[in-house]
Amino acid sequence: MEPGTLTIQLMDMYGGSLVHQAEYDDGQHMYTFTETSQLQTGFLYYQVEINGNVAAGSVIKH
């Protein structure tokens, strides 16, 4: 990953969302949302953006 501002958004189907935004240096990094109780169980959708590049997908919350 190149240096830049990373934004991660995690959303449920009912409009709930969590956002993490931070500056990162070169290299690999990991971030964990430790408190997701405000998001409903089921499908969650995520969007990751850095330096104008966007990746999106879904995960399942039990």
N, C-alpha and C. Protein backbone atom coordinates (compact mmCIF):
# COMPACT_ATOMS: atom_id res chain seq x y z
N MET A 1 0.84 -1.17 0.00
CA MET A 1 0.00 0.00 0.00
C MET A 1 0.89 1.24 0.00
N GLU A 2 0.54 2.21 -0.79
CA GLU A 2 1.25 3.48 -0.82
C GLU A 2 0.78 4.34 0.35
N PRO A 3 1.58 5.31 0.78
CA PRO A 3 1.14 6.20 1.84
C PRO A 3 -0.11 6.98 1.43
N GLY A 4 -0.96 7.29 2.39
CA GLY A 4 -2.15 8.07 2.09
C GLY A 4 -3.19 7.95 3.18
N THR A 5 -4.32 8.60 2.94
CA THR A 5 -5.44 8.54 3.87
C THR A 5 -6.32 7.35 3.51
N LEU A 6 -6.48 6.45 4.44
CA LEU A 6 -7.30 5.25 4.25
C LEU A 6 -8.63 5.46 4.94
N THR A 7 -9.73 5.18 4.23
CA THR A 7 -11.06 5.24 4.82
C THR A 7 -11.72 3.88 4.65
N ILE A 8 -12.19 3.33 5.78
CA ILE A 8 -12.92 2.06 5.76
C ILE A 8 -14.31 2.34 6.30
N GLN A 9 -15.33 1.95 5.54
CA GLN A 9 -16.71 2.11 6.00
C GLN A 9 -17.38 0.75 6.00
N LEU A 10 -18.03 0.43 7.12
CA LEU A 10 -18.76 -0.82 7.28
C LEU A 10 -20.22 -0.47 7.51
N MET A 11 -21.13 -1.01 6.69
CA MET A 11 -22.54 -0.61 6.72
C MET A 11 -23.45 -1.83 6.79
N ASP A 12 -24.56 -1.68 7.54
CA ASP A 12 -25.58 -2.73 7.51
C ASP A 12 -26.70 -2.33 6.56
N MET A 13 -27.68 -3.21 6.40
CA MET A 13 -28.76 -2.96 5.44
C MET A 13 -29.78 -1.94 5.93
N TYR A 14 -29.65 -1.50 7.18
CA TYR A 14 -30.64 -0.61 7.78
C TYR A 14 -30.11 0.81 7.99
N GLY A 15 -28.98 1.12 7.39
CA GLY A 15 -28.43 2.46 7.47
C GLY A 15 -27.39 2.68 8.54
N GLY A 16 -27.14 1.67 9.37
CA GLY A 16 -26.09 1.79 10.38
C GLY A 16 -24.72 1.72 9.72
N SER A 17 -23.75 2.46 10.26
CA SER A 17 -22.41 2.37 9.68
C SER A 17 -21.34 2.73 10.70
N LEU A 18 -20.16 2.21 10.47
CA LEU A 18 -18.96 2.52 11.23
C LEU A 18 -17.93 3.01 10.23
N VAL A 19 -17.13 3.99 10.62
CA VAL A 19 -16.11 4.53 9.72
C VAL A 19 -14.79 4.63 10.48
N HIS A 20 -13.73 4.22 9.82
CA HIS A 20 -12.37 4.40 10.33
C HIS A 20 -11.60 5.16 9.27
N GLN A 21 -10.92 6.23 9.69
CA GLN A 21 -10.10 7.00 8.75
C GLN A 21 -8.80 7.36 9.43
N ALA A 22 -7.68 7.11 8.74
CA ALA A 22 -6.36 7.40 9.31
C ALA A 22 -5.33 7.51 8.20
N GLU A 23 -4.23 8.17 8.52
CA GLU A 23 -3.09 8.25 7.61
C GLU A 23 -2.21 7.02 7.81
N TYR A 24 -1.79 6.42 6.72
CA TYR A 24 -0.93 5.23 6.79
C TYR A 24 0.31 5.43 5.93
N ASP A 25 1.42 4.82 6.38
CA ASP A 25 2.67 4.80 5.63
C ASP A 25 2.67 3.62 4.67
N ASP A 26 3.76 3.49 3.89
CA ASP A 26 3.94 2.32 3.02
C ASP A 26 3.82 1.03 3.82
N GLY A 27 3.39 -0.02 3.15
CA GLY A 27 3.39 -1.35 3.77
C GLY A 27 2.01 -1.91 3.97
N GLN A 28 1.97 -3.06 4.63
CA GLN A 28 0.72 -3.74 4.92
C GLN A 28 0.24 -3.32 6.31
N HIS A 29 -1.06 -3.17 6.44
CA HIS A 29 -1.66 -2.76 7.70
C HIS A 29 -2.93 -3.55 7.92
N MET A 30 -3.35 -3.61 9.20
CA MET A 30 -4.58 -4.31 9.54
C MET A 30 -5.37 -3.44 10.51
N TYR A 31 -6.68 -3.39 10.34
CA TYR A 31 -7.55 -2.68 11.25
C TYR A 31 -8.73 -3.58 11.59
N THR A 32 -9.12 -3.60 12.86
CA THR A 32 -10.25 -4.41 13.30
C THR A 32 -11.29 -3.51 13.95
N PHE A 33 -12.52 -3.60 13.49
CA PHE A 33 -13.62 -2.93 14.18
C PHE A 33 -13.93 -3.77 15.41
N THR A 34 -13.64 -3.26 16.59
CA THR A 34 -13.81 -4.05 17.81
C THR A 34 -15.21 -3.95 18.39
N GLU A 35 -15.95 -2.94 18.06
CA GLU A 35 -17.30 -2.77 18.59
C GLU A 35 -18.27 -2.60 17.44
N THR A 36 -19.01 -3.68 17.15
CA THR A 36 -19.96 -3.64 16.03
C THR A 36 -21.40 -3.87 16.50
N SER A 37 -21.65 -3.74 17.79
CA SER A 37 -22.99 -4.05 18.32
C SER A 37 -24.08 -3.15 17.74
N GLN A 38 -23.73 -1.95 17.27
CA GLN A 38 -24.75 -1.07 16.70
C GLN A 38 -25.15 -1.47 15.29
N LEU A 39 -24.43 -2.41 14.69
CA LEU A 39 -24.79 -2.90 13.36
C LEU A 39 -25.63 -4.16 13.49
N GLN A 40 -26.65 -4.29 12.65
CA GLN A 40 -27.53 -5.45 12.65
C GLN A 40 -26.80 -6.69 12.15
N THR A 41 -27.24 -7.87 12.61
CA THR A 41 -26.67 -9.11 12.08
C THR A 41 -27.15 -9.32 10.65
N GLY A 42 -26.43 -10.13 9.92
CA GLY A 42 -26.74 -10.38 8.51
C GLY A 42 -25.62 -9.86 7.63
N PHE A 43 -25.97 -9.48 6.43
CA PHE A 43 -24.96 -8.98 5.49
C PHE A 43 -24.52 -7.58 5.89
N LEU A 44 -23.20 -7.38 5.91
CA LEU A 44 -22.61 -6.06 6.08
C LEU A 44 -21.83 -5.76 4.82
N TYR A 45 -21.84 -4.54 4.42
CA TYR A 45 -21.14 -4.11 3.22
C TYR A 45 -19.98 -3.22 3.63
N TYR A 46 -18.85 -3.38 2.96
CA TYR A 46 -17.70 -2.55 3.28
C TYR A 46 -17.20 -1.82 2.05
N GLN A 47 -16.57 -0.69 2.31
CA GLN A 47 -15.91 0.08 1.25
C GLN A 47 -14.58 0.57 1.81
N VAL A 48 -13.52 0.32 1.07
CA VAL A 48 -12.18 0.74 1.46
C VAL A 48 -11.66 1.67 0.37
N GLU A 49 -11.20 2.85 0.78
CA GLU A 49 -10.70 3.82 -0.19
C GLU A 49 -9.35 4.36 0.26
N ILE A 50 -8.40 4.40 -0.67
CA ILE A 50 -7.11 5.04 -0.43
C ILE A 50 -6.61 5.62 -1.74
N ASN A 51 -6.20 6.86 -1.69
CA ASN A 51 -5.63 7.56 -2.85
C ASN A 51 -6.51 7.44 -4.10
N GLY A 52 -7.82 7.53 -3.92
CA GLY A 52 -8.74 7.48 -5.05
C GLY A 52 -9.09 6.09 -5.53
N ASN A 53 -8.48 5.06 -4.97
CA ASN A 53 -8.80 3.67 -5.32
C ASN A 53 -9.83 3.14 -4.33
N VAL A 54 -10.86 2.47 -4.86
CA VAL A 54 -11.94 1.97 -4.01
C VAL A 54 -12.12 0.49 -4.23
N ALA A 55 -12.29 -0.23 -3.11
CA ALA A 55 -12.64 -1.65 -3.15
C ALA A 55 -13.90 -1.82 -2.27
N ALA A 56 -14.78 -2.70 -2.67
CA ALA A 56 -16.01 -2.91 -1.91
C ALA A 56 -16.37 -4.37 -1.91
N GLY A 57 -17.16 -4.77 -0.93
CA GLY A 57 -17.58 -6.15 -0.85
C GLY A 57 -18.56 -6.34 0.31
N SER A 58 -18.77 -7.58 0.67
CA SER A 58 -19.70 -7.87 1.77
C SER A 58 -19.15 -8.97 2.65
N VAL A 59 -19.62 -8.98 3.89
CA VAL A 59 -19.28 -10.01 4.87
C VAL A 59 -20.57 -10.33 5.63
N ILE A 60 -20.56 -11.39 6.38
CA ILE A 60 -21.73 -11.77 7.17
C ILE A 60 -21.40 -11.63 8.65
N LYS A 61 -22.28 -10.93 9.37
CA LYS A 61 -22.15 -10.80 10.83
C LYS A 61 -23.13 -11.77 11.47
N HIS A 62 -22.63 -12.61 12.35
CA HIS A 62 -23.48 -13.59 13.06
C HIS A 62 -24.11 -12.97 14.27
